[in-house]
Amino acid sequence: MASKELHVIAFILGHTTSWFRVTVPRASVFGDARPEFLSMLFDEITGTDIEQAIKIARLAREVQGLTYMEGPALIIEDVPLDDELDAESIMAIRIIAMLDMLKYQKQLDYATITLQPIDFAETVDDKVLKRAGMLVQGEEFRDAARHCIVALRRARDSDDVLGQMWPEYRWNPGHGWYIEGDNDED
């Protein structure tokens, strides 16, 4: 059965990884309900790249426990590959590769990984964060919060992005979005 809530966790990867989780009504992403944030949480993860990838997978499984068989959408700030990668970028690339491996090994359960370009977050300023109640201390946390907002906007605007973030949903022109085998019509 489709849950009434969806979870998005955005990460700013590095030697210290900042993350921000939002919970939103499913109907505000898959339907016409007014967008709202039901809950928010943010923190950071430290350790080696291997330890951080494992901690991110554990966090994803914990959040998945909030909505049965429906994983969170993990939004990862994409690292531009240029000639001058700094230590933070290299660490981020290594964590992304390990998360891909953990996903392949089914250690992320139903969670999805969506890479989002860095410049997408620049479309959300501090005024938007303040209105959403997401203007918190720490630029890395605010950047992760920006990525949450942008990812949700992109999901509402694009069926392709929506399908990438929550692939268990299917589109039926007569009934809208649904989870296969779900008889509960919202």
N, C-alpha and C. Protein backbone atom coordinates (compact mmCIF):
# COMPACT_ATOMS: atom_id res chain seq x y z
N MET A 1 0.84 -1.18 0.00
CA MET A 1 0.00 0.00 0.00
C MET A 1 0.88 1.24 0.00
N ALA A 2 0.53 2.19 -0.80
CA ALA A 2 1.30 3.43 -0.88
C ALA A 2 1.16 4.21 0.42
N SER A 3 2.28 4.71 0.89
CA SER A 3 2.24 5.49 2.11
C SER A 3 1.69 6.88 1.81
N LYS A 4 1.33 7.57 2.83
CA LYS A 4 0.80 8.93 2.67
C LYS A 4 1.93 9.96 2.69
N GLU A 5 3.16 9.49 2.98
CA GLU A 5 4.30 10.40 3.09
C GLU A 5 5.46 9.90 2.25
N LEU A 6 6.29 10.83 1.79
CA LEU A 6 7.52 10.53 1.08
C LEU A 6 8.68 11.22 1.79
N HIS A 7 9.85 10.63 1.68
CA HIS A 7 11.05 11.18 2.34
C HIS A 7 12.12 11.48 1.31
N VAL A 8 12.74 12.62 1.46
CA VAL A 8 13.87 13.02 0.63
C VAL A 8 15.02 13.37 1.56
N ILE A 9 16.19 12.81 1.27
CA ILE A 9 17.39 13.13 2.05
C ILE A 9 18.44 13.63 1.08
N ALA A 10 18.89 14.85 1.27
CA ALA A 10 19.93 15.43 0.42
C ALA A 10 21.24 15.44 1.19
N PHE A 11 22.32 15.14 0.46
CA PHE A 11 23.65 15.04 1.07
C PHE A 11 24.62 15.99 0.38
N ILE A 12 25.45 16.63 1.18
CA ILE A 12 26.61 17.36 0.69
C ILE A 12 27.80 16.55 1.18
N LEU A 13 28.37 15.76 0.27
CA LEU A 13 29.41 14.80 0.63
C LEU A 13 30.76 15.46 0.79
N GLY A 14 31.57 14.89 1.68
CA GLY A 14 32.93 15.37 1.90
C GLY A 14 33.52 14.68 3.10
N HIS A 15 34.61 15.21 3.62
CA HIS A 15 35.21 14.60 4.81
C HIS A 15 34.23 14.64 5.99
N THR A 16 33.41 15.66 6.02
CA THR A 16 32.24 15.70 6.89
C THR A 16 31.04 15.87 5.97
N THR A 17 30.14 14.91 5.99
CA THR A 17 28.97 14.94 5.12
C THR A 17 27.79 15.52 5.86
N SER A 18 27.20 16.55 5.31
CA SER A 18 26.00 17.16 5.88
C SER A 18 24.79 16.60 5.16
N TRP A 19 23.72 16.35 5.92
CA TRP A 19 22.49 15.87 5.28
C TRP A 19 21.27 16.56 5.87
N PHE A 20 20.22 16.59 5.07
CA PHE A 20 18.96 17.21 5.47
C PHE A 20 17.84 16.31 4.96
N ARG A 21 16.93 15.90 5.85
CA ARG A 21 15.80 15.06 5.46
C ARG A 21 14.51 15.83 5.60
N VAL A 22 13.65 15.73 4.58
CA VAL A 22 12.31 16.29 4.66
C VAL A 22 11.30 15.18 4.41
N THR A 23 10.17 15.30 5.05
CA THR A 23 9.04 14.40 4.83
C THR A 23 7.90 15.26 4.31
N VAL A 24 7.31 14.81 3.20
CA VAL A 24 6.25 15.57 2.55
C VAL A 24 5.06 14.66 2.29
N PRO A 25 3.85 15.22 2.15
CA PRO A 25 2.71 14.39 1.78
C PRO A 25 2.89 13.84 0.37
N ARG A 26 2.61 12.59 0.19
CA ARG A 26 2.72 11.97 -1.14
C ARG A 26 1.88 12.73 -2.15
N ALA A 27 0.70 13.18 -1.73
CA ALA A 27 -0.22 13.89 -2.64
C ALA A 27 0.36 15.22 -3.11
N SER A 28 1.33 15.78 -2.39
CA SER A 28 1.92 17.04 -2.85
C SER A 28 2.98 16.82 -3.92
N VAL A 29 3.41 15.58 -4.09
CA VAL A 29 4.36 15.25 -5.15
C VAL A 29 3.65 14.57 -6.31
N PHE A 30 2.79 13.60 -6.00
CA PHE A 30 2.11 12.83 -7.03
C PHE A 30 0.72 13.37 -7.37
N GLY A 31 0.28 14.36 -6.65
CA GLY A 31 -1.04 14.92 -6.90
C GLY A 31 -1.02 16.43 -6.90
N ASP A 32 -2.15 17.00 -6.58
CA ASP A 32 -2.29 18.45 -6.63
C ASP A 32 -2.35 19.09 -5.24
N ALA A 33 -2.04 18.31 -4.20
CA ALA A 33 -2.08 18.87 -2.84
C ALA A 33 -1.02 19.96 -2.69
N ARG A 34 -1.31 20.90 -1.84
CA ARG A 34 -0.39 22.01 -1.57
C ARG A 34 0.91 21.47 -0.98
N PRO A 35 2.06 21.87 -1.53
CA PRO A 35 3.34 21.40 -0.98
C PRO A 35 3.52 21.86 0.47
N GLU A 36 3.95 20.95 1.30
CA GLU A 36 4.26 21.30 2.69
C GLU A 36 5.28 20.32 3.23
N PHE A 37 6.00 20.75 4.26
CA PHE A 37 6.99 19.90 4.90
C PHE A 37 6.40 19.44 6.23
N LEU A 38 6.22 18.12 6.35
CA LEU A 38 5.64 17.55 7.57
C LEU A 38 6.66 17.43 8.68
N SER A 39 7.89 17.11 8.31
CA SER A 39 8.97 17.05 9.30
C SER A 39 10.30 17.26 8.60
N MET A 40 11.28 17.65 9.40
CA MET A 40 12.62 17.91 8.89
C MET A 40 13.62 17.46 9.95
N LEU A 41 14.77 17.03 9.48
CA LEU A 41 15.84 16.63 10.38
C LEU A 41 17.15 16.82 9.63
N PHE A 42 18.18 17.24 10.32
CA PHE A 42 19.48 17.39 9.67
C PHE A 42 20.58 17.01 10.65
N ASP A 43 21.70 16.57 10.09
CA ASP A 43 22.83 16.16 10.91
C ASP A 43 24.04 16.01 9.99
N GLU A 44 25.11 15.48 10.55
CA GLU A 44 26.28 15.24 9.73
C GLU A 44 26.83 13.86 10.01
N ILE A 45 27.61 13.38 9.05
CA ILE A 45 28.23 12.07 9.12
C ILE A 45 29.73 12.27 8.94
N THR A 46 30.51 11.60 9.77
CA THR A 46 31.96 11.68 9.65
C THR A 46 32.53 10.28 9.54
N GLY A 47 33.80 10.21 9.25
CA GLY A 47 34.49 8.93 9.14
C GLY A 47 35.16 8.82 7.78
N THR A 48 35.71 7.64 7.53
CA THR A 48 36.32 7.39 6.23
C THR A 48 35.22 7.33 5.17
N ASP A 49 35.62 7.32 3.93
CA ASP A 49 34.63 7.22 2.86
C ASP A 49 33.81 5.93 2.99
N ILE A 50 34.45 4.84 3.35
CA ILE A 50 33.74 3.57 3.52
C ILE A 50 32.74 3.68 4.68
N GLU A 51 33.20 4.21 5.80
CA GLU A 51 32.31 4.36 6.96
C GLU A 51 31.13 5.26 6.64
N GLN A 52 31.38 6.34 5.91
CA GLN A 52 30.28 7.25 5.57
C GLN A 52 29.27 6.58 4.65
N ALA A 53 29.73 5.83 3.66
CA ALA A 53 28.80 5.14 2.75
C ALA A 53 27.93 4.16 3.54
N ILE A 54 28.52 3.44 4.47
CA ILE A 54 27.75 2.50 5.30
C ILE A 54 26.76 3.25 6.18
N LYS A 55 27.17 4.38 6.75
CA LYS A 55 26.27 5.17 7.60
C LYS A 55 25.11 5.75 6.78
N ILE A 56 25.39 6.17 5.56
CA ILE A 56 24.32 6.68 4.69
C ILE A 56 23.32 5.57 4.37
N ALA A 57 23.82 4.37 4.08
CA ALA A 57 22.94 3.23 3.81
C ALA A 57 22.10 2.90 5.05
N ARG A 58 22.70 2.96 6.22
CA ARG A 58 21.96 2.70 7.46
C ARG A 58 20.88 3.76 7.67
N LEU A 59 21.21 5.03 7.42
CA LEU A 59 20.23 6.10 7.53
C LEU A 59 19.08 5.88 6.57
N ALA A 60 19.38 5.50 5.34
CA ALA A 60 18.33 5.25 4.35
C ALA A 60 17.40 4.13 4.82
N ARG A 61 17.95 3.06 5.37
CA ARG A 61 17.10 1.96 5.86
C ARG A 61 16.27 2.39 7.05
N GLU A 62 16.84 3.22 7.93
CA GLU A 62 16.07 3.72 9.08
C GLU A 62 14.90 4.57 8.62
N VAL A 63 15.14 5.44 7.66
CA VAL A 63 14.07 6.30 7.15
C VAL A 63 13.04 5.45 6.40
N GLN A 64 13.51 4.45 5.69
CA GLN A 64 12.58 3.55 5.00
C GLN A 64 11.64 2.89 5.99
N GLY A 65 12.11 2.64 7.20
CA GLY A 65 11.26 2.04 8.23
C GLY A 65 10.06 2.91 8.59
N LEU A 66 10.13 4.20 8.27
CA LEU A 66 9.01 5.09 8.55
C LEU A 66 7.86 4.88 7.57
N THR A 67 8.17 4.38 6.37
CA THR A 67 7.15 4.11 5.35
C THR A 67 7.46 2.74 4.76
N TYR A 68 6.66 1.77 5.08
CA TYR A 68 6.89 0.38 4.72
C TYR A 68 7.14 0.20 3.22
N MET A 69 8.26 -0.44 2.90
CA MET A 69 8.65 -0.80 1.54
C MET A 69 8.71 0.38 0.57
N GLU A 70 8.96 1.55 1.09
CA GLU A 70 9.09 2.72 0.24
C GLU A 70 10.30 3.51 0.71
N GLY A 71 11.36 3.39 -0.04
CA GLY A 71 12.61 4.02 0.36
C GLY A 71 12.63 5.51 0.15
N PRO A 72 13.54 6.17 0.82
CA PRO A 72 13.70 7.60 0.60
C PRO A 72 14.43 7.86 -0.71
N ALA A 73 14.21 9.03 -1.25
CA ALA A 73 14.98 9.48 -2.41
C ALA A 73 16.24 10.15 -1.86
N LEU A 74 17.38 9.59 -2.19
CA LEU A 74 18.66 10.15 -1.76
C LEU A 74 19.14 11.09 -2.85
N ILE A 75 19.30 12.34 -2.50
CA ILE A 75 19.75 13.35 -3.45
C ILE A 75 21.21 13.66 -3.13
N ILE A 76 22.06 13.39 -4.10
CA ILE A 76 23.49 13.58 -3.91
C ILE A 76 23.94 14.74 -4.80
N GLU A 77 24.63 15.68 -4.19
CA GLU A 77 25.17 16.79 -4.97
C GLU A 77 26.23 16.23 -5.91
N ASP A 78 25.98 16.36 -7.21
CA ASP A 78 26.89 15.83 -8.22
C ASP A 78 28.19 16.63 -8.21
N VAL A 79 29.28 15.92 -8.34
CA VAL A 79 30.60 16.55 -8.33
C VAL A 79 31.06 16.74 -9.77
N PRO A 80 31.30 17.98 -10.18
CA PRO A 80 31.79 18.19 -11.55
C PRO A 80 33.20 17.62 -11.69
N LEU A 81 33.41 16.85 -12.74
CA LEU A 81 34.72 16.27 -12.99
C LEU A 81 35.52 17.22 -13.86
N ASP A 82 36.44 17.91 -13.22
CA ASP A 82 37.31 18.81 -13.97
C ASP A 82 38.76 18.47 -13.65
N ASP A 83 39.66 19.22 -14.17
CA ASP A 83 41.08 18.91 -14.03
C ASP A 83 41.61 19.12 -12.62
N GLU A 84 40.97 19.95 -11.85
CA GLU A 84 41.50 20.30 -10.53
C GLU A 84 40.55 19.88 -9.42
N LEU A 85 40.47 18.59 -9.17
CA LEU A 85 39.62 18.08 -8.09
C LEU A 85 40.35 18.25 -6.76
N ASP A 86 39.66 18.84 -5.79
CA ASP A 86 40.26 18.97 -4.47
C ASP A 86 39.95 17.71 -3.63
N ALA A 87 40.49 17.66 -2.44
CA ALA A 87 40.33 16.47 -1.57
C ALA A 87 38.86 16.21 -1.24
N GLU A 88 38.08 17.27 -1.04
CA GLU A 88 36.65 17.11 -0.73
C GLU A 88 35.92 16.47 -1.91
N SER A 89 36.22 16.91 -3.12
CA SER A 89 35.57 16.36 -4.32
C SER A 89 35.95 14.90 -4.52
N ILE A 90 37.21 14.58 -4.30
CA ILE A 90 37.65 13.19 -4.45
C ILE A 90 36.94 12.30 -3.42
N MET A 91 36.82 12.79 -2.19
CA MET A 91 36.11 12.04 -1.15
C MET A 91 34.66 11.83 -1.57
N ALA A 92 34.02 12.86 -2.09
CA ALA A 92 32.62 12.76 -2.52
C ALA A 92 32.47 11.74 -3.64
N ILE A 93 33.38 11.76 -4.60
CA ILE A 93 33.32 10.80 -5.72
C ILE A 93 33.45 9.37 -5.20
N ARG A 94 34.33 9.17 -4.26
CA ARG A 94 34.52 7.82 -3.68
C ARG A 94 33.25 7.37 -2.95
N ILE A 95 32.62 8.26 -2.20
CA ILE A 95 31.39 7.90 -1.48
C ILE A 95 30.28 7.58 -2.48
N ILE A 96 30.14 8.36 -3.53
CA ILE A 96 29.13 8.10 -4.55
C ILE A 96 29.34 6.71 -5.16
N ALA A 97 30.59 6.38 -5.48
CA ALA A 97 30.89 5.07 -6.06
C ALA A 97 30.51 3.95 -5.08
N MET A 98 30.79 4.15 -3.81
CA MET A 98 30.46 3.12 -2.81
C MET A 98 28.95 3.00 -2.62
N LEU A 99 28.24 4.12 -2.68
CA LEU A 99 26.77 4.06 -2.59
C LEU A 99 26.19 3.31 -3.79
N ASP A 100 26.76 3.54 -4.97
CA ASP A 100 26.32 2.78 -6.15
C ASP A 100 26.53 1.29 -5.94
N MET A 101 27.68 0.93 -5.37
CA MET A 101 27.95 -0.48 -5.10
C MET A 101 26.97 -1.03 -4.06
N LEU A 102 26.73 -0.28 -3.00
CA LEU A 102 25.79 -0.74 -1.98
C LEU A 102 24.39 -0.89 -2.56
N LYS A 103 24.00 -0.01 -3.46
CA LYS A 103 22.71 -0.13 -4.14
C LYS A 103 22.68 -1.41 -4.98
N TYR A 104 23.73 -1.66 -5.70
CA TYR A 104 23.84 -2.87 -6.52
C TYR A 104 23.74 -4.13 -5.65
N GLN A 105 24.33 -4.07 -4.46
CA GLN A 105 24.31 -5.21 -3.54
C GLN A 105 23.02 -5.27 -2.72
N LYS A 106 22.08 -4.40 -3.02
CA LYS A 106 20.79 -4.35 -2.35
C LYS A 106 20.90 -4.00 -0.86
N GLN A 107 21.93 -3.22 -0.52
CA GLN A 107 22.11 -2.75 0.86
C GLN A 107 21.37 -1.44 1.12
N LEU A 108 20.79 -0.86 0.08
CA LEU A 108 20.01 0.37 0.24
C LEU A 108 18.51 0.09 0.15
N ASP A 109 18.15 -1.19 0.06
CA ASP A 109 16.75 -1.59 -0.04
C ASP A 109 16.03 -0.79 -1.12
N TYR A 110 14.99 -0.06 -0.74
CA TYR A 110 14.16 0.65 -1.72
C TYR A 110 14.61 2.09 -1.97
N ALA A 111 15.68 2.53 -1.33
CA ALA A 111 16.16 3.89 -1.53
C ALA A 111 16.66 4.06 -2.96
N THR A 112 16.53 5.26 -3.48
CA THR A 112 17.05 5.59 -4.81
C THR A 112 18.13 6.64 -4.66
N ILE A 113 19.00 6.70 -5.65
CA ILE A 113 20.08 7.70 -5.67
C ILE A 113 19.88 8.58 -6.89
N THR A 114 19.78 9.87 -6.66
CA THR A 114 19.65 10.84 -7.74
C THR A 114 20.77 11.85 -7.61
N LEU A 115 21.60 11.94 -8.65
CA LEU A 115 22.64 12.97 -8.67
C LEU A 115 22.02 14.26 -9.18
N GLN A 116 22.32 15.33 -8.47
CA GLN A 116 21.74 16.63 -8.82
C GLN A 116 22.87 17.65 -8.98
N PRO A 117 22.93 18.34 -10.11
CA PRO A 117 24.00 19.32 -10.31
C PRO A 117 24.06 20.36 -9.20
N ILE A 118 25.26 20.77 -8.87
CA ILE A 118 25.49 21.73 -7.79
C ILE A 118 24.73 23.03 -8.04
N ASP A 119 24.75 23.51 -9.28
CA ASP A 119 24.13 24.81 -9.56
C ASP A 119 22.62 24.80 -9.42
N PHE A 120 21.99 23.64 -9.35
CA PHE A 120 20.54 23.59 -9.13
C PHE A 120 20.17 24.22 -7.79
N ALA A 121 21.00 23.99 -6.77
CA ALA A 121 20.70 24.51 -5.44
C ALA A 121 20.74 26.02 -5.39
N GLU A 122 21.45 26.62 -6.32
CA GLU A 122 21.57 28.08 -6.35
C GLU A 122 20.25 28.76 -6.69
N THR A 123 19.26 27.99 -7.14
CA THR A 123 17.95 28.57 -7.48
C THR A 123 17.09 28.78 -6.25
N VAL A 124 17.54 28.31 -5.09
CA VAL A 124 16.79 28.45 -3.83
C VAL A 124 17.61 29.35 -2.91
N ASP A 125 17.09 30.54 -2.62
CA ASP A 125 17.82 31.46 -1.75
C ASP A 125 17.38 31.31 -0.29
N ASP A 126 18.02 32.08 0.58
CA ASP A 126 17.72 32.00 2.01
C ASP A 126 16.29 32.41 2.34
N LYS A 127 15.69 33.29 1.53
CA LYS A 127 14.30 33.69 1.77
C LYS A 127 13.37 32.49 1.64
N VAL A 128 13.63 31.66 0.63
CA VAL A 128 12.81 30.45 0.43
C VAL A 128 13.01 29.50 1.60
N LEU A 129 14.26 29.31 2.02
CA LEU A 129 14.52 28.44 3.16
C LEU A 129 13.82 28.95 4.43
N LYS A 130 13.86 30.26 4.63
CA LYS A 130 13.22 30.84 5.81
C LYS A 130 11.71 30.60 5.78
N ARG A 131 11.07 30.83 4.64
CA ARG A 131 9.62 30.59 4.53
C ARG A 131 9.27 29.13 4.78
N ALA A 132 10.17 28.23 4.39
CA ALA A 132 9.92 26.79 4.57
C ALA A 132 10.31 26.30 5.96
N GLY A 133 10.88 27.18 6.78
CA GLY A 133 11.32 26.77 8.11
C GLY A 133 12.61 25.96 8.07
N MET A 134 13.40 26.15 6.99
CA MET A 134 14.61 25.36 6.80
C MET A 134 15.89 26.20 6.89
N LEU A 135 15.78 27.42 7.33
CA LEU A 135 16.96 28.28 7.44
C LEU A 135 17.66 27.95 8.76
N VAL A 136 18.61 27.04 8.68
CA VAL A 136 19.30 26.54 9.87
C VAL A 136 20.74 27.03 9.87
N GLN A 137 21.41 26.89 11.00
CA GLN A 137 22.82 27.26 11.10
C GLN A 137 23.66 26.29 10.29
N GLY A 138 24.66 26.79 9.63
CA GLY A 138 25.58 25.95 8.88
C GLY A 138 25.26 25.94 7.40
N GLU A 139 26.18 26.49 6.62
CA GLU A 139 25.97 26.61 5.17
C GLU A 139 25.79 25.25 4.51
N GLU A 140 26.52 24.22 4.96
CA GLU A 140 26.39 22.89 4.36
C GLU A 140 24.99 22.32 4.58
N PHE A 141 24.42 22.54 5.77
CA PHE A 141 23.05 22.08 6.03
C PHE A 141 22.06 22.83 5.15
N ARG A 142 22.27 24.14 5.02
CA ARG A 142 21.38 24.93 4.16
C ARG A 142 21.49 24.49 2.70
N ASP A 143 22.71 24.16 2.25
CA ASP A 143 22.87 23.67 0.89
C ASP A 143 22.13 22.34 0.69
N ALA A 144 22.20 21.47 1.69
CA ALA A 144 21.47 20.19 1.60
C ALA A 144 19.96 20.46 1.57
N ALA A 145 19.49 21.41 2.39
CA ALA A 145 18.07 21.77 2.39
C ALA A 145 17.65 22.32 1.02
N ARG A 146 18.51 23.13 0.42
CA ARG A 146 18.23 23.66 -0.92
C ARG A 146 18.05 22.51 -1.92
N HIS A 147 18.91 21.51 -1.82
CA HIS A 147 18.82 20.36 -2.72
C HIS A 147 17.52 19.58 -2.51
N CYS A 148 17.04 19.50 -1.28
CA CYS A 148 15.74 18.85 -1.03
C CYS A 148 14.63 19.58 -1.79
N ILE A 149 14.61 20.89 -1.64
CA ILE A 149 13.57 21.69 -2.28
C ILE A 149 13.64 21.56 -3.80
N VAL A 150 14.84 21.67 -4.35
CA VAL A 150 15.00 21.58 -5.80
C VAL A 150 14.58 20.20 -6.30
N ALA A 151 14.97 19.15 -5.59
CA ALA A 151 14.60 17.79 -6.00
C ALA A 151 13.09 17.61 -6.02
N LEU A 152 12.41 18.12 -5.01
CA LEU A 152 10.95 18.01 -4.97
C LEU A 152 10.31 18.82 -6.10
N ARG A 153 10.85 20.00 -6.38
CA ARG A 153 10.34 20.79 -7.50
C ARG A 153 10.52 20.05 -8.82
N ARG A 154 11.71 19.47 -8.99
CA ARG A 154 11.99 18.73 -10.23
C ARG A 154 11.07 17.53 -10.36
N ALA A 155 10.80 16.84 -9.25
CA ALA A 155 9.91 15.67 -9.28
C ALA A 155 8.50 16.07 -9.68
N ARG A 156 8.02 17.20 -9.17
CA ARG A 156 6.68 17.67 -9.52
C ARG A 156 6.59 18.10 -10.98
N ASP A 157 7.71 18.58 -11.53
CA ASP A 157 7.71 19.11 -12.89
C ASP A 157 8.06 18.08 -13.97
N SER A 158 8.65 16.95 -13.57
CA SER A 158 9.13 15.99 -14.57
C SER A 158 8.81 14.55 -14.15
N ASP A 159 8.04 13.88 -14.99
CA ASP A 159 7.75 12.47 -14.72
C ASP A 159 9.01 11.62 -14.74
N ASP A 160 10.01 12.01 -15.53
CA ASP A 160 11.26 11.26 -15.57
C ASP A 160 11.99 11.34 -14.22
N VAL A 161 12.08 12.54 -13.66
CA VAL A 161 12.74 12.71 -12.36
C VAL A 161 11.91 12.01 -11.29
N LEU A 162 10.60 12.15 -11.34
CA LEU A 162 9.72 11.49 -10.39
C LEU A 162 9.93 9.97 -10.43
N GLY A 163 9.99 9.42 -11.63
CA GLY A 163 10.21 7.99 -11.78
C GLY A 163 11.57 7.54 -11.31
N GLN A 164 12.56 8.42 -11.40
CA GLN A 164 13.90 8.09 -10.91
C GLN A 164 13.92 8.09 -9.38
N MET A 165 13.20 9.03 -8.77
CA MET A 165 13.22 9.13 -7.31
C MET A 165 12.36 8.05 -6.64
N TRP A 166 11.22 7.72 -7.26
CA TRP A 166 10.32 6.70 -6.70
C TRP A 166 9.88 5.76 -7.82
N PRO A 167 10.76 4.85 -8.27
CA PRO A 167 10.46 3.99 -9.42
C PRO A 167 9.38 2.94 -9.17
N GLU A 168 9.01 2.72 -7.93
CA GLU A 168 7.97 1.73 -7.65
C GLU A 168 6.58 2.20 -8.06
N TYR A 169 6.44 3.50 -8.34
CA TYR A 169 5.16 4.05 -8.77
C TYR A 169 5.00 3.89 -10.28
N ARG A 170 3.80 3.66 -10.71
CA ARG A 170 3.46 3.54 -12.13
C ARG A 170 2.37 4.55 -12.46
N TRP A 171 2.32 4.97 -13.71
CA TRP A 171 1.33 5.94 -14.16
C TRP A 171 0.21 5.21 -14.89
N ASN A 172 -1.02 5.48 -14.49
CA ASN A 172 -2.20 4.97 -15.18
C ASN A 172 -3.01 6.19 -15.59
N PRO A 173 -3.17 6.43 -16.90
CA PRO A 173 -3.86 7.64 -17.36
C PRO A 173 -5.25 7.82 -16.75
N GLY A 174 -5.93 6.75 -16.43
CA GLY A 174 -7.27 6.87 -15.85
C GLY A 174 -7.28 7.09 -14.35
N HIS A 175 -6.19 6.72 -13.68
CA HIS A 175 -6.19 6.78 -12.21
C HIS A 175 -5.02 7.53 -11.61
N GLY A 176 -4.07 7.95 -12.42
CA GLY A 176 -2.92 8.68 -11.89
C GLY A 176 -1.80 7.73 -11.45
N TRP A 177 -0.98 8.19 -10.53
CA TRP A 177 0.15 7.42 -10.05
C TRP A 177 -0.32 6.38 -9.05
N TYR A 178 0.27 5.19 -9.10
CA TYR A 178 -0.08 4.12 -8.15
C TYR A 178 1.12 3.19 -7.99
N ILE A 179 1.09 2.39 -6.93
CA ILE A 179 2.08 1.34 -6.73
C ILE A 179 1.43 0.04 -7.17
N GLU A 180 2.15 -0.72 -7.98
CA GLU A 180 1.60 -1.96 -8.50
C GLU A 180 1.13 -2.84 -7.35
N GLY A 181 -0.09 -3.35 -7.46
CA GLY A 181 -0.67 -4.18 -6.42
C GLY A 181 -1.39 -3.41 -5.34
N ASP A 182 -1.35 -2.09 -5.41
CA ASP A 182 -1.99 -1.24 -4.41
C ASP A 182 -3.41 -0.94 -4.83
N ASN A 183 -4.36 -1.38 -4.04
CA ASN A 183 -5.78 -1.15 -4.35
C ASN A 183 -6.32 0.08 -3.65
N ASP A 184 -5.49 0.72 -2.83
CA ASP A 184 -5.92 1.89 -2.07
C ASP A 184 -5.91 3.12 -2.96
N GLU A 185 -7.05 3.66 -3.28
CA GLU A 185 -7.13 4.86 -4.12
C GLU A 185 -7.18 6.08 -3.22
N ASP A 186 -6.16 6.93 -3.32
CA ASP A 186 -6.13 8.15 -2.50
C ASP A 186 -6.77 9.28 -3.24
